[in-house]
Amino acid sequence: MARCEVCGNDYAMTFEVHAQGAVHVFDCFECAAHRLAPICEHCRVQILGHGVEADGHFYCCAHCAAAEGATGIVDHVETPAPA
């Protein structure tokens, strides 16, 4: 058994995440997200989706990026299907 590095749970079904040369051990995806997800530099939410990056800064969406002065970033907008 291995111990989750976030909550300390000693659990038989932990899993490893290899990221940026380090190995992390977690007992659930919630703990993995808590430890590894980047934080939006504007609203401080954990970025669990794609997010956006501007000049080395991470944001949850184009709105937050624009609020911090980034330009030219747009969120994905679904276009209507041709008639």
PDB file of N, CA and C in Angstrom:
ATOM      1  N   MET A   1       0.848  -1.181   0.000  1.00  0.00           N
ATOM      2  CA  MET A   1       0.000   0.000   0.000  1.00  0.00           C
ATOM      3  C   MET A   1       0.892   1.242   0.000  1.00  0.00           C
ATOM      4  N   ALA A   2       0.348   2.318  -0.542  1.00  0.00           N
ATOM      5  CA  ALA A   2       1.088   3.569  -0.599  1.00  0.00           C
ATOM      6  C   ALA A   2       0.223   4.682  -0.017  1.00  0.00           C
ATOM      7  N   ARG A   3       0.867   5.751   0.379  1.00  0.00           N
ATOM      8  CA  ARG A   3       0.184   6.856   1.045  1.00  0.00           C
ATOM      9  C   ARG A   3       0.004   8.021   0.064  1.00  0.00           C
ATOM     10  N   CYS A   4      -1.218   8.574   0.005  1.00  0.00           N
ATOM     11  CA  CYS A   4      -1.513   9.742  -0.832  1.00  0.00           C
ATOM     12  C   CYS A   4      -0.744  10.946  -0.298  1.00  0.00           C
ATOM     13  N   GLU A   5      -0.076  11.655  -1.195  1.00  0.00           N
ATOM     14  CA  GLU A   5       0.728  12.795  -0.757  1.00  0.00           C
ATOM     15  C   GLU A   5      -0.106  14.019  -0.387  1.00  0.00           C
ATOM     16  N   VAL A   6      -1.396  14.014  -0.688  1.00  0.00           N
ATOM     17  CA  VAL A   6      -2.255  15.149  -0.328  1.00  0.00           C
ATOM     18  C   VAL A   6      -2.979  14.890   0.981  1.00  0.00           C
ATOM     19  N   CYS A   7      -3.728  13.794   1.049  1.00  0.00           N
ATOM     20  CA  CYS A   7      -4.571  13.551   2.225  1.00  0.00           C
ATOM     21  C   CYS A   7      -3.962  12.569   3.217  1.00  0.00           C
ATOM     22  N   GLY A   8      -2.920  11.863   2.806  1.00  0.00           N
ATOM     23  CA  GLY A   8      -2.259  10.932   3.708  1.00  0.00           C
ATOM     24  C   GLY A   8      -2.907   9.572   3.816  1.00  0.00           C
ATOM     25  N   ASN A   9      -3.958   9.322   3.038  1.00  0.00           N
ATOM     26  CA  ASN A   9      -4.647   8.044   3.082  1.00  0.00           C
ATOM     27  C   ASN A   9      -3.707   6.926   2.631  1.00  0.00           C
ATOM     28  N   ASP A  10      -3.595   5.893   3.443  1.00  0.00           N
ATOM     29  CA  ASP A  10      -2.797   4.716   3.111  1.00  0.00           C
ATOM     30  C   ASP A  10      -3.737   3.732   2.438  1.00  0.00           C
ATOM     31  N   TYR A  11      -3.623   3.589   1.109  1.00  0.00           N
ATOM     32  CA  TYR A  11      -4.665   2.961   0.309  1.00  0.00           C
ATOM     33  C   TYR A  11      -4.051   1.978  -0.673  1.00  0.00           C
ATOM     34  N   ALA A  12      -4.684   0.825  -0.840  1.00  0.00           N
ATOM     35  CA  ALA A  12      -4.166  -0.223  -1.723  1.00  0.00           C
ATOM     36  C   ALA A  12      -4.276   0.132  -3.200  1.00  0.00           C
ATOM     37  N   MET A  13      -5.136   1.085  -3.557  1.00  0.00           N
ATOM     38  CA  MET A  13      -5.345   1.400  -4.969  1.00  0.00           C
ATOM     39  C   MET A  13      -4.848   2.796  -5.343  1.00  0.00           C
ATOM     40  N   THR A  14      -3.759   3.243  -4.728  1.00  0.00           N
ATOM     41  CA  THR A  14      -3.176   4.517  -5.118  1.00  0.00           C
ATOM     42  C   THR A  14      -2.651   4.406  -6.543  1.00  0.00           C
ATOM     43  N   PHE A  15      -2.377   5.561  -7.139  1.00  0.00           N
ATOM     44  CA  PHE A  15      -1.800   5.584  -8.483  1.00  0.00           C
ATOM     45  C   PHE A  15      -0.722   6.653  -8.535  1.00  0.00           C
ATOM     46  N   GLU A  16       0.168   6.511  -9.501  1.00  0.00           N
ATOM     47  CA  GLU A  16       1.262   7.458  -9.678  1.00  0.00           C
ATOM     48  C   GLU A  16       0.983   8.361 -10.872  1.00  0.00           C
ATOM     49  N   VAL A  17       1.384   9.611 -10.742  1.00  0.00           N
ATOM     50  CA  VAL A  17       1.376  10.548 -11.851  1.00  0.00           C
ATOM     51  C   VAL A  17       2.821  11.014 -12.035  1.00  0.00           C
ATOM     52  N   HIS A  18       3.349  10.835 -13.231  1.00  0.00           N
ATOM     53  CA  HIS A  18       4.694  11.283 -13.557  1.00  0.00           C
ATOM     54  C   HIS A  18       4.562  12.611 -14.302  1.00  0.00           C
ATOM     55  N   ALA A  19       5.073  13.686 -13.710  1.00  0.00           N
ATOM     56  CA  ALA A  19       4.944  15.018 -14.309  1.00  0.00           C
ATOM     57  C   ALA A  19       6.194  15.836 -14.048  1.00  0.00           C
ATOM     58  N   GLN A  20       6.751  16.399 -15.102  1.00  0.00           N
ATOM     59  CA  GLN A  20       7.905  17.299 -15.021  1.00  0.00           C
ATOM     60  C   GLN A  20       9.042  16.693 -14.208  1.00  0.00           C
ATOM     61  N   GLY A  21       9.307  15.412 -14.443  1.00  0.00           N
ATOM     62  CA  GLY A  21      10.431  14.743 -13.795  1.00  0.00           C
ATOM     63  C   GLY A  21      10.187  14.274 -12.375  1.00  0.00           C
ATOM     64  N   ALA A  22       8.978  14.466 -11.869  1.00  0.00           N
ATOM     65  CA  ALA A  22       8.654  14.033 -10.503  1.00  0.00           C
ATOM     66  C   ALA A  22       7.580  12.951 -10.550  1.00  0.00           C
ATOM     67  N   VAL A  23       7.550  12.128  -9.515  1.00  0.00           N
ATOM     68  CA  VAL A  23       6.533  11.093  -9.382  1.00  0.00           C
ATOM     69  C   VAL A  23       5.669  11.439  -8.177  1.00  0.00           C
ATOM     70  N   HIS A  24       4.355  11.511  -8.402  1.00  0.00           N
ATOM     71  CA  HIS A  24       3.400  11.840  -7.355  1.00  0.00           C
ATOM     72  C   HIS A  24       2.505  10.637  -7.108  1.00  0.00           C
ATOM     73  N   VAL A  25       2.084  10.435  -5.858  1.00  0.00           N
ATOM     74  CA  VAL A  25       1.207   9.320  -5.495  1.00  0.00           C
ATOM     75  C   VAL A  25      -0.082   9.889  -4.907  1.00  0.00           C
ATOM     76  N   PHE A  26      -1.222   9.424  -5.456  1.00  0.00           N
ATOM     77  CA  PHE A  26      -2.526   9.900  -5.010  1.00  0.00           C
ATOM     78  C   PHE A  26      -3.473   8.729  -4.814  1.00  0.00           C
ATOM     79  N   ASP A  27      -4.504   8.959  -3.997  1.00  0.00           N
ATOM     80  CA  ASP A  27      -5.520   7.921  -3.804  1.00  0.00           C
ATOM     81  C   ASP A  27      -6.775   8.205  -4.612  1.00  0.00           C
ATOM     82  N   CYS A  28      -6.890   9.399  -5.200  1.00  0.00           N
ATOM     83  CA  CYS A  28      -8.054   9.740  -6.018  1.00  0.00           C
ATOM     84  C   CYS A  28      -7.708  10.900  -6.949  1.00  0.00           C
ATOM     85  N   PHE A  29      -8.559  11.094  -7.966  1.00  0.00           N
ATOM     86  CA  PHE A  29      -8.325  12.190  -8.909  1.00  0.00           C
ATOM     87  C   PHE A  29      -8.508  13.549  -8.241  1.00  0.00           C
ATOM     88  N   GLU A  30      -9.363  13.626  -7.247  1.00  0.00           N
ATOM     89  CA  GLU A  30      -9.563  14.887  -6.537  1.00  0.00           C
ATOM     90  C   GLU A  30      -8.255  15.372  -5.905  1.00  0.00           C
ATOM     91  N   CYS A  31      -7.539  14.460  -5.257  1.00  0.00           N
ATOM     92  CA  CYS A  31      -6.257  14.835  -4.649  1.00  0.00           C
ATOM     93  C   CYS A  31      -5.228  15.195  -5.715  1.00  0.00           C
ATOM     94  N   ALA A  32      -5.237  14.459  -6.828  1.00  0.00           N
ATOM     95  CA  ALA A  32      -4.309  14.753  -7.917  1.00  0.00           C
ATOM     96  C   ALA A  32      -4.568  16.151  -8.474  1.00  0.00           C
ATOM     97  N   ALA A  33      -5.828  16.480  -8.696  1.00  0.00           N
ATOM     98  CA  ALA A  33      -6.166  17.804  -9.210  1.00  0.00           C
ATOM     99  C   ALA A  33      -5.790  18.884  -8.209  1.00  0.00           C
ATOM    100  N   HIS A  34      -6.050  18.627  -6.938  1.00  0.00           N
ATOM    101  CA  HIS A  34      -5.721  19.603  -5.895  1.00  0.00           C
ATOM    102  C   HIS A  34      -4.227  19.938  -5.917  1.00  0.00           C
ATOM    103  N   ARG A  35      -3.391  18.936  -6.103  1.00  0.00           N
ATOM    104  CA  ARG A  35      -1.944  19.146  -6.068  1.00  0.00           C
ATOM    105  C   ARG A  35      -1.385  19.661  -7.393  1.00  0.00           C
ATOM    106  N   LEU A  36      -1.915  19.191  -8.533  1.00  0.00           N
ATOM    107  CA  LEU A  36      -1.248  19.437  -9.807  1.00  0.00           C
ATOM    108  C   LEU A  36      -1.901  20.486 -10.699  1.00  0.00           C
ATOM    109  N   ALA A  37      -3.179  20.782 -10.500  1.00  0.00           N
ATOM    110  CA  ALA A  37      -3.858  21.727 -11.399  1.00  0.00           C
ATOM    111  C   ALA A  37      -3.298  23.133 -11.218  1.00  0.00           C
ATOM    112  N   PRO A  38      -3.034  23.817 -12.338  1.00  0.00           N
ATOM    113  CA  PRO A  38      -2.584  25.210 -12.217  1.00  0.00           C
ATOM    114  C   PRO A  38      -3.720  26.088 -11.688  1.00  0.00           C
ATOM    115  N   ILE A  39      -3.373  27.255 -11.186  1.00  0.00           N
ATOM    116  CA  ILE A  39      -4.335  28.202 -10.622  1.00  0.00           C
ATOM    117  C   ILE A  39      -4.449  29.398 -11.564  1.00  0.00           C
ATOM    118  N   CYS A  40      -5.683  29.802 -11.879  1.00  0.00           N
ATOM    119  CA  CYS A  40      -5.902  30.985 -12.714  1.00  0.00           C
ATOM    120  C   CYS A  40      -5.291  32.197 -12.007  1.00  0.00           C
ATOM    121  N   GLU A  41      -4.479  32.937 -12.737  1.00  0.00           N
ATOM    122  CA  GLU A  41      -3.791  34.073 -12.129  1.00  0.00           C
ATOM    123  C   GLU A  41      -4.687  35.298 -11.952  1.00  0.00           C
ATOM    124  N   HIS A  42      -5.939  35.203 -12.427  1.00  0.00           N
ATOM    125  CA  HIS A  42      -6.874  36.311 -12.216  1.00  0.00           C
ATOM    126  C   HIS A  42      -7.895  35.986 -11.124  1.00  0.00           C
ATOM    127  N   CYS A  43      -8.654  34.895 -11.310  1.00  0.00           N
ATOM    128  CA  CYS A  43      -9.739  34.595 -10.367  1.00  0.00           C
ATOM    129  C   CYS A  43      -9.362  33.537  -9.333  1.00  0.00           C
ATOM    130  N   ARG A  44      -8.176  32.926  -9.478  1.00  0.00           N
ATOM    131  CA  ARG A  44      -7.624  31.971  -8.524  1.00  0.00           C
ATOM    132  C   ARG A  44      -8.317  30.607  -8.510  1.00  0.00           C
ATOM    133  N   VAL A  45      -9.172  30.293  -9.494  1.00  0.00           N
ATOM    134  CA  VAL A  45      -9.800  28.984  -9.563  1.00  0.00           C
ATOM    135  C   VAL A  45      -8.779  27.965 -10.072  1.00  0.00           C
ATOM    136  N   GLN A  46      -8.911  26.705  -9.643  1.00  0.00           N
ATOM    137  CA  GLN A  46      -8.053  25.663 -10.197  1.00  0.00           C
ATOM    138  C   GLN A  46      -8.505  25.370 -11.615  1.00  0.00           C
ATOM    139  N   ILE A  47      -7.553  25.287 -12.531  1.00  0.00           N
ATOM    140  CA  ILE A  47      -7.855  25.062 -13.940  1.00  0.00           C
ATOM    141  C   ILE A  47      -7.879  23.564 -14.196  1.00  0.00           C
ATOM    142  N   LEU A  48      -9.081  23.015 -14.357  1.00  0.00           N
ATOM    143  CA  LEU A  48      -9.230  21.586 -14.593  1.00  0.00           C
ATOM    144  C   LEU A  48      -9.476  21.268 -16.054  1.00  0.00           C
ATOM    145  N   GLY A  49      -9.803  22.269 -16.846  1.00  0.00           N
ATOM    146  CA  GLY A  49      -9.990  22.093 -18.284  1.00  0.00           C
ATOM    147  C   GLY A  49      -8.747  22.557 -19.026  1.00  0.00           C
ATOM    148  N   HIS A  50      -8.937  22.985 -20.256  1.00  0.00           N
ATOM    149  CA  HIS A  50      -7.806  23.411 -21.074  1.00  0.00           C
ATOM    150  C   HIS A  50      -7.195  24.712 -20.595  1.00  0.00           C
ATOM    151  N   GLY A  51      -8.007  25.675 -20.209  1.00  0.00           N
ATOM    152  CA  GLY A  51      -7.486  26.971 -19.811  1.00  0.00           C
ATOM    153  C   GLY A  51      -6.778  27.647 -20.974  1.00  0.00           C
ATOM    154  N   VAL A  52      -6.150  28.772 -20.703  1.00  0.00           N
ATOM    155  CA  VAL A  52      -5.375  29.487 -21.717  1.00  0.00           C
ATOM    156  C   VAL A  52      -4.071  29.951 -21.093  1.00  0.00           C
ATOM    157  N   GLU A  53      -3.080  30.121 -21.946  1.00  0.00           N
ATOM    158  CA  GLU A  53      -1.782  30.617 -21.491  1.00  0.00           C
ATOM    159  C   GLU A  53      -1.433  31.845 -22.314  1.00  0.00           C
ATOM    160  N   ALA A  54      -0.964  32.884 -21.650  1.00  0.00           N
ATOM    161  CA  ALA A  54      -0.547  34.107 -22.316  1.00  0.00           C
ATOM    162  C   ALA A  54       0.743  34.587 -21.682  1.00  0.00           C
ATOM    163  N   ASP A  55       1.793  34.635 -22.476  1.00  0.00           N
ATOM    164  CA  ASP A  55       3.099  35.119 -21.999  1.00  0.00           C
ATOM    165  C   ASP A  55       3.552  34.399 -20.729  1.00  0.00           C
ATOM    166  N   GLY A  56       3.339  33.079 -20.675  1.00  0.00           N
ATOM    167  CA  GLY A  56       3.778  32.291 -19.534  1.00  0.00           C
ATOM    168  C   GLY A  56       2.875  32.352 -18.320  1.00  0.00           C
ATOM    169  N   HIS A  57       1.714  32.972 -18.443  1.00  0.00           N
ATOM    170  CA  HIS A  57       0.744  33.064 -17.356  1.00  0.00           C
ATOM    171  C   HIS A  57      -0.464  32.206 -17.701  1.00  0.00           C
ATOM    172  N   PHE A  58      -1.057  31.543 -16.700  1.00  0.00           N
ATOM    173  CA  PHE A  58      -2.175  30.635 -16.926  1.00  0.00           C
ATOM    174  C   PHE A  58      -3.473  31.235 -16.409  1.00  0.00           C
ATOM    175  N   TYR A  59      -4.515  31.079 -17.225  1.00  0.00           N
ATOM    176  CA  TYR A  59      -5.841  31.593 -16.888  1.00  0.00           C
ATOM    177  C   TYR A  59      -6.882  30.517 -17.206  1.00  0.00           C
ATOM    178  N   CYS A  60      -8.019  30.579 -16.522  1.00  0.00           N
ATOM    179  CA  CYS A  60      -9.071  29.584 -16.769  1.00  0.00           C
ATOM    180  C   CYS A  60      -9.829  29.870 -18.058  1.00  0.00           C
ATOM    181  N   CYS A  61      -9.832  31.121 -18.521  1.00  0.00           N
ATOM    182  CA  CYS A  61     -10.595  31.481 -19.722  1.00  0.00           C
ATOM    183  C   CYS A  61     -10.042  32.774 -20.314  1.00  0.00           C
ATOM    184  N   ALA A  62     -10.511  33.091 -21.511  1.00  0.00           N
ATOM    185  CA  ALA A  62     -10.074  34.313 -22.190  1.00  0.00           C
ATOM    186  C   ALA A  62     -10.487  35.569 -21.421  1.00  0.00           C
ATOM    187  N   HIS A  63     -11.648  35.527 -20.774  1.00  0.00           N
ATOM    188  CA  HIS A  63     -12.110  36.683 -20.000  1.00  0.00           C
ATOM    189  C   HIS A  63     -11.102  37.045 -18.910  1.00  0.00           C
ATOM    190  N   CYS A  64     -10.634  36.034 -18.168  1.00  0.00           N
ATOM    191  CA  CYS A  64      -9.655  36.293 -17.108  1.00  0.00           C
ATOM    192  C   CYS A  64      -8.318  36.757 -17.691  1.00  0.00           C
ATOM    193  N   ALA A  65      -7.926  36.177 -18.815  1.00  0.00           N
ATOM    194  CA  ALA A  65      -6.678  36.600 -19.463  1.00  0.00           C
ATOM    195  C   ALA A  65      -6.771  38.063 -19.883  1.00  0.00           C
ATOM    196  N   ALA A  66      -7.898  38.456 -20.481  1.00  0.00           N
ATOM    197  CA  ALA A  66      -8.088  39.839 -20.911  1.00  0.00           C
ATOM    198  C   ALA A  66      -8.108  40.788 -19.718  1.00  0.00           C
ATOM    199  N   ALA A  67      -8.686  40.356 -18.612  1.00  0.00           N
ATOM    200  CA  ALA A  67      -8.736  41.192 -17.411  1.00  0.00           C
ATOM    201  C   ALA A  67      -7.340  41.486 -16.879  1.00  0.00           C
ATOM    202  N   GLU A  68      -6.384  40.607 -17.206  1.00  0.00           N
ATOM    203  CA  GLU A  68      -5.000  40.808 -16.777  1.00  0.00           C
ATOM    204  C   GLU A  68      -4.146  41.440 -17.871  1.00  0.00           C
ATOM    205  N   GLY A  69      -4.794  41.862 -18.984  1.00  0.00           N
ATOM    206  CA  GLY A  69      -4.084  42.591 -20.030  1.00  0.00           C
ATOM    207  C   GLY A  69      -3.674  41.783 -21.250  1.00  0.00           C
ATOM    208  N   ALA A  70      -3.956  40.494 -21.277  1.00  0.00           N
ATOM    209  CA  ALA A  70      -3.617  39.689 -22.447  1.00  0.00           C
ATOM    210  C   ALA A  70      -4.530  40.064 -23.604  1.00  0.00           C
ATOM    211  N   THR A  71      -4.008  40.020 -24.804  1.00  0.00           N
ATOM    212  CA  THR A  71      -4.808  40.347 -25.982  1.00  0.00           C
ATOM    213  C   THR A  71      -4.769  39.194 -26.976  1.00  0.00           C
ATOM    214  N   GLY A  72      -5.787  39.152 -27.823  1.00  0.00           N
ATOM    215  CA  GLY A  72      -5.826  38.169 -28.894  1.00  0.00           C
ATOM    216  C   GLY A  72      -6.218  36.765 -28.475  1.00  0.00           C
ATOM    217  N   ILE A  73      -6.714  36.591 -27.269  1.00  0.00           N
ATOM    218  CA  ILE A  73      -7.125  35.264 -26.805  1.00  0.00           C
ATOM    219  C   ILE A  73      -8.642  35.234 -26.771  1.00  0.00           C
ATOM    220  N   VAL A  74      -9.211  34.181 -27.357  1.00  0.00           N
ATOM    221  CA  VAL A  74     -10.658  34.029 -27.345  1.00  0.00           C
ATOM    222  C   VAL A  74     -11.004  32.636 -26.859  1.00  0.00           C
ATOM    223  N   ASP A  75     -12.108  32.529 -26.158  1.00  0.00           N
ATOM    224  CA  ASP A  75     -12.614  31.218 -25.759  1.00  0.00           C
ATOM    225  C   ASP A  75     -13.202  30.543 -26.988  1.00  0.00           C
ATOM    226  N   HIS A  76     -13.253  29.227 -26.961  1.00  0.00           N
ATOM    227  CA  HIS A  76     -13.859  28.480 -28.057  1.00  0.00           C
ATOM    228  C   HIS A  76     -15.333  28.822 -28.128  1.00  0.00           C
ATOM    229  N   VAL A  77     -15.765  29.209 -29.293  1.00  0.00           N
ATOM    230  CA  VAL A  77     -17.178  29.528 -29.513  1.00  0.00           C
ATOM    231  C   VAL A  77     -17.677  28.607 -30.612  1.00  0.00           C
ATOM    232  N   GLU A  78     -18.729  27.879 -30.325  1.00  0.00           N
ATOM    233  CA  GLU A  78     -19.271  26.959 -31.318  1.00  0.00           C
ATOM    234  C   GLU A  78     -19.956  27.741 -32.408  1.00  0.00           C
ATOM    235  N   THR A  79     -19.595  27.457 -33.655  1.00  0.00           N
ATOM    236  CA  THR A  79     -20.232  28.124 -34.774  1.00  0.00           C
ATOM    237  C   THR A  79     -21.408  27.283 -35.248  1.00  0.00           C
ATOM    238  N   PRO A  80     -22.479  27.931 -35.678  1.00  0.00           N
ATOM    239  CA  PRO A  80     -23.634  27.174 -36.138  1.00  0.00           C
ATOM    240  C   PRO A  80     -23.297  26.372 -37.395  1.00  0.00           C
ATOM    241  N   ALA A  81     -23.928  25.229 -37.539  1.00  0.00           N
ATOM    242  CA  ALA A  81     -23.740  24.405 -38.734  1.00  0.00           C
ATOM    243  C   ALA A  81     -24.354  25.114 -39.926  1.00  0.00           C
ATOM    244  N   PRO A  82     -23.735  24.962 -41.099  1.00  0.00           N
ATOM    245  CA  PRO A  82     -24.303  25.608 -42.290  1.00  0.00           C
ATOM    246  C   PRO A  82     -25.706  25.058 -42.588  1.00  0.00           C
ATOM    247  N   ALA A  83     -26.548  25.925 -43.077  1.00  0.00           N
ATOM    248  CA  ALA A  83     -27.940  25.532 -43.364  1.00  0.00           C
ATOM    249  C   ALA A  83     -28.031  24.709 -44.624  1.00  0.00           C
TER     250      ALA A  83
END
